[in-house]
PDB file of N, CA and C in Angstrom:
ATOM      1  N   MET A   1      31.328 -60.334 -20.999  1.00  0.00           N
ATOM      2  CA  MET A   1      32.186 -60.409 -19.774  1.00  0.00           C
ATOM      3  C   MET A   1      33.072 -59.234 -19.725  1.00  0.00           C
ATOM      4  N   ALA A   2      33.136 -58.617 -18.591  1.00  0.00           N
ATOM      5  CA  ALA A   2      34.010 -57.434 -18.443  1.00  0.00           C
ATOM      6  C   ALA A   2      35.466 -57.819 -18.369  1.00  0.00           C
ATOM      7  N   LEU A   3      36.285 -56.996 -18.951  1.00  0.00           N
ATOM      8  CA  LEU A   3      37.768 -57.211 -18.864  1.00  0.00           C
ATOM      9  C   LEU A   3      38.240 -56.824 -17.534  1.00  0.00           C
ATOM     10  N   PRO A   4      39.341 -57.541 -17.028  1.00  0.00           N
ATOM     11  CA  PRO A   4      39.877 -57.175 -15.713  1.00  0.00           C
ATOM     12  C   PRO A   4      40.509 -55.753 -15.831  1.00  0.00           C
ATOM     13  N   LYS A   5      40.443 -55.048 -14.717  1.00  0.00           N
ATOM     14  CA  LYS A   5      41.000 -53.708 -14.622  1.00  0.00           C
ATOM     15  C   LYS A   5      42.428 -53.725 -14.201  1.00  0.00           C
ATOM     16  N   LEU A   6      42.932 -54.762 -13.525  1.00  0.00           N
ATOM     17  CA  LEU A   6      44.315 -54.846 -13.117  1.00  0.00           C
ATOM     18  C   LEU A   6      44.876 -56.235 -13.384  1.00  0.00           C
ATOM     19  N   LEU A   7      46.110 -56.229 -13.929  1.00  0.00           N
ATOM     20  CA  LEU A   7      46.849 -57.477 -14.224  1.00  0.00           C
ATOM     21  C   LEU A   7      48.219 -57.309 -13.664  1.00  0.00           C
ATOM     22  N   MET A   8      48.803 -58.411 -13.246  1.00  0.00           N
ATOM     23  CA  MET A   8      50.240 -58.599 -13.014  1.00  0.00           C
ATOM     24  C   MET A   8      50.754 -59.477 -14.215  1.00  0.00           C
ATOM     25  N   ILE A   9      51.612 -58.924 -14.980  1.00  0.00           N
ATOM     26  CA  ILE A   9      52.219 -59.663 -16.114  1.00  0.00           C
ATOM     27  C   ILE A   9      53.618 -60.126 -15.694  1.00  0.00           C
ATOM     28  N   VAL A  10      53.907 -61.348 -15.750  1.00  0.00           N
ATOM     29  CA  VAL A  10      55.258 -61.895 -15.405  1.00  0.00           C
ATOM     30  C   VAL A  10      55.899 -62.492 -16.638  1.00  0.00           C
ATOM     31  N   ASN A  11      56.998 -61.920 -17.096  1.00  0.00           N
ATOM     32  CA  ASN A  11      57.813 -62.510 -18.129  1.00  0.00           C
ATOM     33  C   ASN A  11      58.861 -63.342 -17.537  1.00  0.00           C
ATOM     34  N   VAL A  12      59.053 -64.587 -17.991  1.00  0.00           N
ATOM     35  CA  VAL A  12      59.967 -65.496 -17.401  1.00  0.00           C
ATOM     36  C   VAL A  12      60.805 -66.081 -18.545  1.00  0.00           C
ATOM     37  N   ASP A  13      62.104 -66.242 -18.323  1.00  0.00           N
ATOM     38  CA  ASP A  13      62.831 -67.103 -19.301  1.00  0.00           C
ATOM     39  C   ASP A  13      63.691 -68.054 -18.430  1.00  0.00           C
ATOM     40  N   ILE A  14      63.756 -69.281 -18.985  1.00  0.00           N
ATOM     41  CA  ILE A  14      64.415 -70.385 -18.259  1.00  0.00           C
ATOM     42  C   ILE A  14      65.332 -71.139 -19.202  1.00  0.00           C
ATOM     43  N   GLU A  15      66.281 -71.854 -18.669  1.00  0.00           N
ATOM     44  CA  GLU A  15      67.163 -72.732 -19.429  1.00  0.00           C
ATOM     45  C   GLU A  15      66.351 -73.979 -19.758  1.00  0.00           C
ATOM     46  N   PRO A  16      66.377 -74.411 -21.019  1.00  0.00           N
ATOM     47  CA  PRO A  16      65.604 -75.592 -21.429  1.00  0.00           C
ATOM     48  C   PRO A  16      65.851 -76.891 -20.628  1.00  0.00           C
ATOM     49  N   ALA A  17      67.063 -76.960 -20.050  1.00  0.00           N
ATOM     50  CA  ALA A  17      67.405 -78.185 -19.245  1.00  0.00           C
ATOM     51  C   ALA A  17      66.566 -78.332 -18.017  1.00  0.00           C
ATOM     52  N   ILE A  18      65.968 -77.270 -17.479  1.00  0.00           N
ATOM     53  CA  ILE A  18      65.096 -77.357 -16.245  1.00  0.00           C
ATOM     54  C   ILE A  18      63.686 -77.326 -16.559  1.00  0.00           C
ATOM     55  N   GLU A  19      63.239 -77.374 -17.795  1.00  0.00           N
ATOM     56  CA  GLU A  19      61.843 -77.228 -18.165  1.00  0.00           C
ATOM     57  C   GLU A  19      60.946 -78.181 -17.401  1.00  0.00           C
ATOM     58  N   THR A  20      61.209 -79.436 -17.323  1.00  0.00           N
ATOM     59  CA  THR A  20      60.263 -80.369 -16.659  1.00  0.00           C
ATOM     60  C   THR A  20      60.211 -80.070 -15.159  1.00  0.00           C
ATOM     61  N   GLU A  21      61.334 -79.836 -14.502  1.00  0.00           N
ATOM     62  CA  GLU A  21      61.280 -79.473 -13.056  1.00  0.00           C
ATOM     63  C   GLU A  21      60.622 -78.128 -12.841  1.00  0.00           C
ATOM     64  N   TRP A  22      60.911 -77.147 -13.710  1.00  0.00           N
ATOM     65  CA  TRP A  22      60.362 -75.764 -13.585  1.00  0.00           C
ATOM     66  C   TRP A  22      58.806 -75.888 -13.702  1.00  0.00           C
ATOM     67  N   ASP A  23      58.311 -76.626 -14.784  1.00  0.00           N
ATOM     68  CA  ASP A  23      56.891 -76.707 -15.005  1.00  0.00           C
ATOM     69  C   ASP A  23      56.193 -77.303 -13.783  1.00  0.00           C
ATOM     70  N   HIS A  24      56.800 -78.352 -13.248  1.00  0.00           N
ATOM     71  CA  HIS A  24      56.209 -79.025 -12.097  1.00  0.00           C
ATOM     72  C   HIS A  24      56.109 -78.055 -10.947  1.00  0.00           C
ATOM     73  N   TRP A  25      57.243 -77.384 -10.574  1.00  0.00           N
ATOM     74  CA  TRP A  25      57.241 -76.460  -9.452  1.00  0.00           C
ATOM     75  C   TRP A  25      56.252 -75.276  -9.794  1.00  0.00           C
ATOM     76  N   TYR A  26      56.339 -74.658 -10.964  1.00  0.00           N
ATOM     77  CA  TYR A  26      55.540 -73.499 -11.235  1.00  0.00           C
ATOM     78  C   TYR A  26      54.075 -73.799 -11.179  1.00  0.00           C
ATOM     79  N   ASP A  27      53.621 -74.929 -11.745  1.00  0.00           N
ATOM     80  CA  ASP A  27      52.259 -75.249 -11.880  1.00  0.00           C
ATOM     81  C   ASP A  27      51.650 -75.810 -10.551  1.00  0.00           C
ATOM     82  N   THR A  28      52.424 -76.552  -9.831  1.00  0.00           N
ATOM     83  CA  THR A  28      51.851 -77.255  -8.610  1.00  0.00           C
ATOM     84  C   THR A  28      52.135 -76.467  -7.300  1.00  0.00           C
ATOM     85  N   VAL A  29      53.188 -75.652  -7.271  1.00  0.00           N
ATOM     86  CA  VAL A  29      53.594 -74.951  -6.093  1.00  0.00           C
ATOM     87  C   VAL A  29      53.426 -73.416  -6.253  1.00  0.00           C
ATOM     88  N   HIS A  30      54.032 -72.887  -7.264  1.00  0.00           N
ATOM     89  CA  HIS A  30      54.133 -71.355  -7.294  1.00  0.00           C
ATOM     90  C   HIS A  30      52.759 -70.728  -7.711  1.00  0.00           C
ATOM     91  N   LEU A  31      52.109 -71.233  -8.758  1.00  0.00           N
ATOM     92  CA  LEU A  31      50.849 -70.648  -9.221  1.00  0.00           C
ATOM     93  C   LEU A  31      49.817 -70.642  -8.002  1.00  0.00           C
ATOM     94  N   PRO A  32      49.657 -71.795  -7.380  1.00  0.00           N
ATOM     95  CA  PRO A  32      48.675 -71.834  -6.241  1.00  0.00           C
ATOM     96  C   PRO A  32      49.109 -70.892  -5.139  1.00  0.00           C
ATOM     97  N   GLU A  33      50.360 -70.784  -4.801  1.00  0.00           N
ATOM     98  CA  GLU A  33      50.735 -69.964  -3.633  1.00  0.00           C
ATOM     99  C   GLU A  33      50.531 -68.515  -4.002  1.00  0.00           C
ATOM    100  N   ILE A  34      50.759 -68.117  -5.244  1.00  0.00           N
ATOM    101  CA  ILE A  34      50.571 -66.743  -5.597  1.00  0.00           C
ATOM    102  C   ILE A  34      49.038 -66.380  -5.681  1.00  0.00           C
ATOM    103  N   VAL A  35      48.268 -67.240  -6.294  1.00  0.00           N
ATOM    104  CA  VAL A  35      46.855 -66.962  -6.450  1.00  0.00           C
ATOM    105  C   VAL A  35      46.107 -66.926  -5.100  1.00  0.00           C
ATOM    106  N   GLU A  36      46.675 -67.555  -4.087  1.00  0.00           N
ATOM    107  CA  GLU A  36      46.044 -67.586  -2.803  1.00  0.00           C
ATOM    108  C   GLU A  36      46.412 -66.278  -2.044  1.00  0.00           C
ATOM    109  N   CYS A  37      47.268 -65.456  -2.512  1.00  0.00           N
ATOM    110  CA  CYS A  37      47.608 -64.207  -1.865  1.00  0.00           C
ATOM    111  C   CYS A  37      46.499 -63.221  -2.024  1.00  0.00           C
ATOM    112  N   PRO A  38      46.358 -62.304  -0.998  1.00  0.00           N
ATOM    113  CA  PRO A  38      45.280 -61.269  -1.018  1.00  0.00           C
ATOM    114  C   PRO A  38      45.423 -60.471  -2.376  1.00  0.00           C
ATOM    115  N   GLY A  39      44.246 -60.251  -3.005  1.00  0.00           N
ATOM    116  CA  GLY A  39      44.216 -59.405  -4.186  1.00  0.00           C
ATOM    117  C   GLY A  39      44.368 -60.116  -5.473  1.00  0.00           C
ATOM    118  N   PHE A  40      44.724 -61.460  -5.487  1.00  0.00           N
ATOM    119  CA  PHE A  40      44.930 -62.242  -6.698  1.00  0.00           C
ATOM    120  C   PHE A  40      43.596 -63.026  -6.905  1.00  0.00           C
ATOM    121  N   VAL A  41      43.164 -63.076  -8.211  1.00  0.00           N
ATOM    122  CA  VAL A  41      41.972 -63.764  -8.558  1.00  0.00           C
ATOM    123  C   VAL A  41      42.208 -65.114  -9.321  1.00  0.00           C
ATOM    124  N   LYS A  42      43.084 -65.027 -10.320  1.00  0.00           N
ATOM    125  CA  LYS A  42      43.400 -66.222 -11.100  1.00  0.00           C
ATOM    126  C   LYS A  42      44.674 -65.931 -11.858  1.00  0.00           C
ATOM    127  N   ALA A  43      45.192 -67.051 -12.477  1.00  0.00           N
ATOM    128  CA  ALA A  43      46.454 -66.954 -13.231  1.00  0.00           C
ATOM    129  C   ALA A  43      46.293 -67.745 -14.590  1.00  0.00           C
ATOM    130  N   THR A  44      46.863 -67.248 -15.623  1.00  0.00           N
ATOM    131  CA  THR A  44      46.946 -67.965 -16.896  1.00  0.00           C
ATOM    132  C   THR A  44      48.388 -67.987 -17.340  1.00  0.00           C
ATOM    133  N   ARG A  45      48.854 -69.094 -17.714  1.00  0.00           N
ATOM    134  CA  ARG A  45      50.292 -69.243 -18.116  1.00  0.00           C
ATOM    135  C   ARG A  45      50.386 -69.579 -19.559  1.00  0.00           C
ATOM    136  N   TYR A  46      51.352 -68.965 -20.214  1.00  0.00           N
ATOM    137  CA  TYR A  46      51.637 -69.227 -21.607  1.00  0.00           C
ATOM    138  C   TYR A  46      53.130 -69.536 -21.820  1.00  0.00           C
ATOM    139  N   LYS A  47      53.420 -70.425 -22.814  1.00  0.00           N
ATOM    140  CA  LYS A  47      54.762 -70.774 -23.075  1.00  0.00           C
ATOM    141  C   LYS A  47      55.047 -70.627 -24.564  1.00  0.00           C
ATOM    142  N   ALA A  48      56.153 -70.053 -24.959  1.00  0.00           N
ATOM    143  CA  ALA A  48      56.542 -69.876 -26.323  1.00  0.00           C
ATOM    144  C   ALA A  48      56.885 -71.354 -26.858  1.00  0.00           C
ATOM    145  N   PRO A  49      56.571 -71.657 -28.131  1.00  0.00           N
ATOM    146  CA  PRO A  49      56.787 -72.999 -28.624  1.00  0.00           C
ATOM    147  C   PRO A  49      58.258 -73.320 -28.898  1.00  0.00           C
ATOM    148  N   GLU A  50      59.117 -72.304 -28.991  1.00  0.00           N
ATOM    149  CA  GLU A  50      60.483 -72.564 -29.290  1.00  0.00           C
ATOM    150  C   GLU A  50      61.369 -71.687 -28.406  1.00  0.00           C
ATOM    151  N   VAL A  51      62.687 -72.026 -28.386  1.00  0.00           N
ATOM    152  CA  VAL A  51      63.642 -71.219 -27.598  1.00  0.00           C
ATOM    153  C   VAL A  51      63.874 -69.895 -28.302  1.00  0.00           C
ATOM    154  N   ASP A  52      64.300 -68.883 -27.574  1.00  0.00           N
ATOM    155  CA  ASP A  52      64.588 -67.560 -28.204  1.00  0.00           C
ATOM    156  C   ASP A  52      66.020 -67.563 -28.774  1.00  0.00           C
ATOM    157  N   GLU A  53      66.450 -66.371 -29.205  1.00  0.00           N
ATOM    158  CA  GLU A  53      67.777 -66.215 -29.778  1.00  0.00           C
ATOM    159  C   GLU A  53      68.881 -66.508 -28.859  1.00  0.00           C
ATOM    160  N   ASN A  54      68.608 -66.552 -27.495  1.00  0.00           N
ATOM    161  CA  ASN A  54      69.611 -66.845 -26.510  1.00  0.00           C
ATOM    162  C   ASN A  54      69.571 -68.316 -26.018  1.00  0.00           C
ATOM    163  N   GLY A  55      68.700 -69.094 -26.667  1.00  0.00           N
ATOM    164  CA  GLY A  55      68.594 -70.469 -26.282  1.00  0.00           C
ATOM    165  C   GLY A  55      67.774 -70.706 -25.052  1.00  0.00           C
ATOM    166  N   ARG A  56      66.960 -69.706 -24.694  1.00  0.00           N
ATOM    167  CA  ARG A  56      66.109 -69.888 -23.463  1.00  0.00           C
ATOM    168  C   ARG A  56      64.616 -69.954 -23.802  1.00  0.00           C
ATOM    169  N   LEU A  57      63.864 -70.605 -22.950  1.00  0.00           N
ATOM    170  CA  LEU A  57      62.461 -70.673 -23.114  1.00  0.00           C
ATOM    171  C   LEU A  57      61.769 -69.482 -22.531  1.00  0.00           C
ATOM    172  N   GLN A  58      60.809 -68.886 -23.304  1.00  0.00           N
ATOM    173  CA  GLN A  58      60.100 -67.692 -22.840  1.00  0.00           C
ATOM    174  C   GLN A  58      58.681 -68.120 -22.343  1.00  0.00           C
ATOM    175  N   GLN A  59      58.265 -67.533 -21.232  1.00  0.00           N
ATOM    176  CA  GLN A  59      56.952 -67.816 -20.680  1.00  0.00           C
ATOM    177  C   GLN A  59      56.386 -66.522 -20.157  1.00  0.00           C
ATOM    178  N   VAL A  60      55.064 -66.482 -20.185  1.00  0.00           N
ATOM    179  CA  VAL A  60      54.384 -65.335 -19.602  1.00  0.00           C
ATOM    180  C   VAL A  60      53.264 -65.837 -18.765  1.00  0.00           C
ATOM    181  N   THR A  61      53.088 -65.244 -17.620  1.00  0.00           N
ATOM    182  CA  THR A  61      51.892 -65.599 -16.715  1.00  0.00           C
ATOM    183  C   THR A  61      51.184 -64.318 -16.539  1.00  0.00           C
ATOM    184  N   ILE A  62      49.848 -64.381 -16.643  1.00  0.00           N
ATOM    185  CA  ILE A  62      49.000 -63.192 -16.500  1.00  0.00           C
ATOM    186  C   ILE A  62      48.148 -63.465 -15.294  1.00  0.00           C
ATOM    187  N   TYR A  63      48.324 -62.707 -14.280  1.00  0.00           N
ATOM    188  CA  TYR A  63      47.496 -62.802 -13.087  1.00  0.00           C
ATOM    189  C   TYR A  63      46.432 -61.711 -13.066  1.00  0.00           C
ATOM    190  N   VAL A  64      45.210 -62.031 -12.816  1.00  0.00           N
ATOM    191  CA  VAL A  64      44.094 -61.046 -12.646  1.00  0.00           C
ATOM    192  C   VAL A  64      44.085 -60.642 -11.160  1.00  0.00           C
ATOM    193  N   LEU A  65      44.123 -59.337 -10.965  1.00  0.00           N
ATOM    194  CA  LEU A  65      44.132 -58.770  -9.596  1.00  0.00           C
ATOM    195  C   LEU A  65      42.830 -58.060  -9.304  1.00  0.00           C
ATOM    196  N   ASP A  66      42.477 -57.996  -8.050  1.00  0.00           N
ATOM    197  CA  ASP A  66      41.253 -57.210  -7.695  1.00  0.00           C
ATOM    198  C   ASP A  66      41.643 -56.003  -6.754  1.00  0.00           C
ATOM    199  N   ARG A  67      42.898 -55.849  -6.540  1.00  0.00           N
ATOM    200  CA  ARG A  67      43.352 -54.605  -5.817  1.00  0.00           C
ATOM    201  C   ARG A  67      44.753 -54.269  -6.283  1.00  0.00           C
ATOM    202  N   GLU A  68      45.029 -52.933  -6.270  1.00  0.00           N
ATOM    203  CA  GLU A  68      46.250 -52.436  -6.802  1.00  0.00           C
ATOM    204  C   GLU A  68      47.508 -52.815  -6.022  1.00  0.00           C
ATOM    205  N   ASP A  69      47.335 -53.047  -4.738  1.00  0.00           N
ATOM    206  CA  ASP A  69      48.539 -53.360  -3.915  1.00  0.00           C
ATOM    207  C   ASP A  69      48.825 -54.848  -3.808  1.00  0.00           C
ATOM    208  N   ALA A  70      48.139 -55.678  -4.589  1.00  0.00           N
ATOM    209  CA  ALA A  70      48.316 -57.104  -4.455  1.00  0.00           C
ATOM    210  C   ALA A  70      49.770 -57.589  -4.545  1.00  0.00           C
ATOM    211  N   MET A  71      50.513 -57.018  -5.427  1.00  0.00           N
ATOM    212  CA  MET A  71      51.912 -57.377  -5.578  1.00  0.00           C
ATOM    213  C   MET A  71      52.803 -57.073  -4.436  1.00  0.00           C
ATOM    214  N   THR A  72      52.385 -56.206  -3.561  1.00  0.00           N
ATOM    215  CA  THR A  72      53.292 -55.760  -2.495  1.00  0.00           C
ATOM    216  C   THR A  72      52.724 -56.148  -1.121  1.00  0.00           C
ATOM    217  N   THR A  73      51.810 -57.072  -1.091  1.00  0.00           N
ATOM    218  CA  THR A  73      51.320 -57.521   0.301  1.00  0.00           C
ATOM    219  C   THR A  73      52.426 -58.416   0.877  1.00  0.00           C
ATOM    220  N   PRO A  74      52.489 -58.468   2.182  1.00  0.00           N
ATOM    221  CA  PRO A  74      53.516 -59.376   2.738  1.00  0.00           C
ATOM    222  C   PRO A  74      53.453 -60.835   2.254  1.00  0.00           C
ATOM    223  N   GLU A  75      52.198 -61.336   2.046  1.00  0.00           N
ATOM    224  CA  GLU A  75      52.018 -62.706   1.578  1.00  0.00           C
ATOM    225  C   GLU A  75      52.590 -62.913   0.185  1.00  0.00           C
ATOM    226  N   CYS A  76      52.377 -61.892  -0.711  1.00  0.00           N
ATOM    227  CA  CYS A  76      52.943 -62.054  -2.063  1.00  0.00           C
ATOM    228  C   CYS A  76      54.451 -61.898  -2.027  1.00  0.00           C
ATOM    229  N   LEU A  77      54.952 -60.921  -1.313  1.00  0.00           N
ATOM    230  CA  LEU A  77      56.385 -60.670  -1.322  1.00  0.00           C
ATOM    231  C   LEU A  77      57.081 -61.915  -0.747  1.00  0.00           C
ATOM    232  N   ALA A  78      56.496 -62.696   0.119  1.00  0.00           N
ATOM    233  CA  ALA A  78      57.138 -63.894   0.724  1.00  0.00           C
ATOM    234  C   ALA A  78      57.261 -65.020  -0.309  1.00  0.00           C
ATOM    235  N   VAL A  79      56.444 -65.038  -1.334  1.00  0.00           N
ATOM    236  CA  VAL A  79      56.516 -66.194  -2.242  1.00  0.00           C
ATOM    237  C   VAL A  79      56.820 -65.790  -3.707  1.00  0.00           C
ATOM    238  N   ARG A  80      56.997 -64.466  -4.022  1.00  0.00           N
ATOM    239  CA  ARG A  80      57.352 -64.131  -5.384  1.00  0.00           C
ATOM    240  C   ARG A  80      58.807 -64.581  -5.722  1.00  0.00           C
ATOM    241  N   GLY A  81      59.046 -64.715  -6.954  1.00  0.00           N
ATOM    242  CA  GLY A  81      60.401 -65.027  -7.459  1.00  0.00           C
ATOM    243  C   GLY A  81      60.499 -66.361  -8.222  1.00  0.00           C
ATOM    244  N   VAL A  82      61.620 -66.846  -8.370  1.00  0.00           N
ATOM    245  CA  VAL A  82      61.811 -68.041  -9.230  1.00  0.00           C
ATOM    246  C   VAL A  82      62.181 -69.323  -8.386  1.00  0.00           C
ATOM    247  N   GLY A  83      61.803 -69.267  -7.077  1.00  0.00           N
ATOM    248  CA  GLY A  83      61.943 -70.446  -6.213  1.00  0.00           C
ATOM    249  C   GLY A  83      63.301 -71.023  -6.207  1.00  0.00           C
ATOM    250  N   PRO A  84      63.369 -72.363  -6.439  1.00  0.00           N
ATOM    251  CA  PRO A  84      64.623 -73.040  -6.379  1.00  0.00           C
ATOM    252  C   PRO A  84      65.493 -72.929  -7.583  1.00  0.00           C
ATOM    253  N   PHE A  85      65.163 -71.990  -8.535  1.00  0.00           N
ATOM    254  CA  PHE A  85      65.871 -71.867  -9.727  1.00  0.00           C
ATOM    255  C   PHE A  85      66.537 -70.579 -10.035  1.00  0.00           C
ATOM    256  N   PRO A  86      67.175 -69.933  -9.097  1.00  0.00           N
ATOM    257  CA  PRO A  86      67.657 -68.534  -9.339  1.00  0.00           C
ATOM    258  C   PRO A  86      68.801 -68.508 -10.345  1.00  0.00           C
ATOM    259  N   ALA A  87      69.525 -69.631 -10.532  1.00  0.00           N
ATOM    260  CA  ALA A  87      70.612 -69.586 -11.527  1.00  0.00           C
ATOM    261  C   ALA A  87      70.187 -69.918 -12.918  1.00  0.00           C
ATOM    262  N   GLN A  88      68.982 -70.517 -13.078  1.00  0.00           N
ATOM    263  CA  GLN A  88      68.521 -70.981 -14.379  1.00  0.00           C
ATOM    264  C   GLN A  88      67.281 -70.199 -14.863  1.00  0.00           C
ATOM    265  N   ALA A  89      66.731 -69.308 -14.073  1.00  0.00           N
ATOM    266  CA  ALA A  89      65.494 -68.634 -14.520  1.00  0.00           C
ATOM    267  C   ALA A  89      65.593 -67.145 -14.099  1.00  0.00           C
ATOM    268  N   THR A  90      64.968 -66.295 -14.894  1.00  0.00           N
ATOM    269  CA  THR A  90      64.799 -64.900 -14.515  1.00  0.00           C
ATOM    270  C   THR A  90      63.343 -64.529 -14.777  1.00  0.00           C
ATOM    271  N   ALA A  91      62.878 -63.543 -13.952  1.00  0.00           N
ATOM    272  CA  ALA A  91      61.480 -63.172 -14.058  1.00  0.00           C
ATOM    273  C   ALA A  91      61.400 -61.647 -13.825  1.00  0.00           C
ATOM    274  N   LYS A  92      60.443 -61.077 -14.520  1.00  0.00           N
ATOM    275  CA  LYS A  92      60.181 -59.684 -14.394  1.00  0.00           C
ATOM    276  C   LYS A  92      58.637 -59.494 -14.273  1.00  0.00           C
ATOM    277  N   ALA A  93      58.202 -58.869 -13.172  1.00  0.00           N
ATOM    278  CA  ALA A  93      56.772 -58.722 -13.005  1.00  0.00           C
ATOM    279  C   ALA A  93      56.446 -57.188 -13.104  1.00  0.00           C
ATOM    280  N   ARG A  94      55.247 -56.965 -13.652  1.00  0.00           N
ATOM    281  CA  ARG A  94      54.832 -55.563 -13.861  1.00  0.00           C
ATOM    282  C   ARG A  94      53.276 -55.517 -13.664  1.00  0.00           C
ATOM    283  N   LEU A  95      52.861 -54.473 -12.929  1.00  0.00           N
ATOM    284  CA  LEU A  95      51.415 -54.154 -12.766  1.00  0.00           C
ATOM    285  C   LEU A  95      50.964 -53.399 -14.035  1.00  0.00           C
ATOM    286  N   MET A  96      49.830 -53.854 -14.537  1.00  0.00           N
ATOM    287  CA  MET A  96      49.227 -53.213 -15.715  1.00  0.00           C
ATOM    288  C   MET A  96      47.838 -52.883 -15.379  1.00  0.00           C
ATOM    289  N   LYS A  97      47.391 -51.582 -15.781  1.00  0.00           N
ATOM    290  CA  LYS A  97      46.077 -51.155 -15.519  1.00  0.00           C
ATOM    291  C   LYS A  97      45.360 -51.013 -16.852  1.00  0.00           C
ATOM    292  N   TYR A  98      44.042 -51.417 -16.872  1.00  0.00           N
ATOM    293  CA  TYR A  98      43.252 -51.370 -18.047  1.00  0.00           C
ATOM    294  C   TYR A  98      43.264 -49.983 -18.644  1.00  0.00           C
ATOM    295  N   HIS A  99      43.381 -49.937 -19.910  1.00  0.00           N
ATOM    296  CA  HIS A  99      43.332 -48.687 -20.685  1.00  0.00           C
ATOM    297  C   HIS A  99      42.212 -48.550 -21.684  1.00  0.00           C
ATOM    298  N   THR A 100      42.233 -49.511 -22.719  1.00  0.00           N
ATOM    299  CA  THR A 100      41.238 -49.469 -23.723  1.00  0.00           C
ATOM    300  C   THR A 100      41.201 -50.828 -24.369  1.00  0.00           C
ATOM    301  N   VAL A 101      40.211 -50.988 -25.220  1.00  0.00           N
ATOM    302  CA  VAL A 101      40.065 -52.235 -26.015  1.00  0.00           C
ATOM    303  C   VAL A 101      39.666 -51.829 -27.467  1.00  0.00           C
ATOM    304  N   TYR A 102      40.213 -52.561 -28.361  1.00  0.00           N
ATOM    305  CA  TYR A 102      39.812 -52.328 -29.765  1.00  0.00           C
ATOM    306  C   TYR A 102      39.452 -53.698 -30.345  1.00  0.00           C
ATOM    307  N   GLU A 103      38.355 -53.802 -31.046  1.00  0.00           N
ATOM    308  CA  GLU A 103      37.979 -55.078 -31.648  1.00  0.00           C
ATOM    309  C   GLU A 103      37.887 -54.843 -33.138  1.00  0.00           C
ATOM    310  N   LYS A 104      38.152 -55.916 -33.840  1.00  0.00           N
ATOM    311  CA  LYS A 104      38.026 -55.906 -35.361  1.00  0.00           C
ATOM    312  C   LYS A 104      36.725 -55.195 -35.765  1.00  0.00           C
ATOM    313  N   GLY A 105      36.882 -54.258 -36.730  1.00  0.00           N
ATOM    314  CA  GLY A 105      35.682 -53.528 -37.147  1.00  0.00           C
ATOM    315  C   GLY A 105      35.369 -52.246 -36.421  1.00  0.00           C
ATOM    316  N   ASP A 106      36.080 -51.965 -35.318  1.00  0.00           N
ATOM    317  CA  ASP A 106      35.895 -50.795 -34.582  1.00  0.00           C
ATOM    318  C   ASP A 106      36.734 -49.680 -35.274  1.00  0.00           C
ATOM    319  N   ILE A 107      36.140 -49.020 -36.283  1.00  0.00           N
ATOM    320  CA  ILE A 107      36.804 -48.001 -36.976  1.00  0.00           C
ATOM    321  C   ILE A 107      36.117 -46.635 -36.696  1.00  0.00           C
ATOM    322  N   ASN A 108      36.882 -45.685 -36.345  1.00  0.00           N
ATOM    323  CA  ASN A 108      36.337 -44.391 -36.038  1.00  0.00           C
ATOM    324  C   ASN A 108      36.510 -43.503 -37.278  1.00  0.00           C
ATOM    325  N   ASN A 109      35.407 -43.211 -37.953  1.00  0.00           N
ATOM    326  CA  ASN A 109      35.501 -42.394 -39.199  1.00  0.00           C
ATOM    327  C   ASN A 109      35.280 -40.913 -38.902  1.00  0.00           C
ATOM    328  N   GLY A 110      35.254 -40.512 -37.737  1.00  0.00           N
ATOM    329  CA  GLY A 110      34.830 -39.213 -37.448  1.00  0.00           C
ATOM    330  C   GLY A 110      35.857 -38.218 -37.104  1.00  0.00           C
TER     331      GLY A 110
END
């Protein structure tokens, strides 16, 4: 299977007190509305098992894109962000382009 050439990586941190409400909104509203935007293919979400040193929960969502301008389409710009949680959550999104892959045992002796 070929690796995706473009990803949008979103790092999120939230206050633990909103975790249940956040998860419901993010999984049932936000992920579907983002993935339906032009240029988005799918999303995978990860959650750290414990709070960080600031007492916040860390999460990462990895979106597979099929076009470089997906993050800046009007549809995406209209729904990006932390929705109803601006005081309890922060997010940073970044476009990442494929560079290389290294697998165990890939040693260049030359």
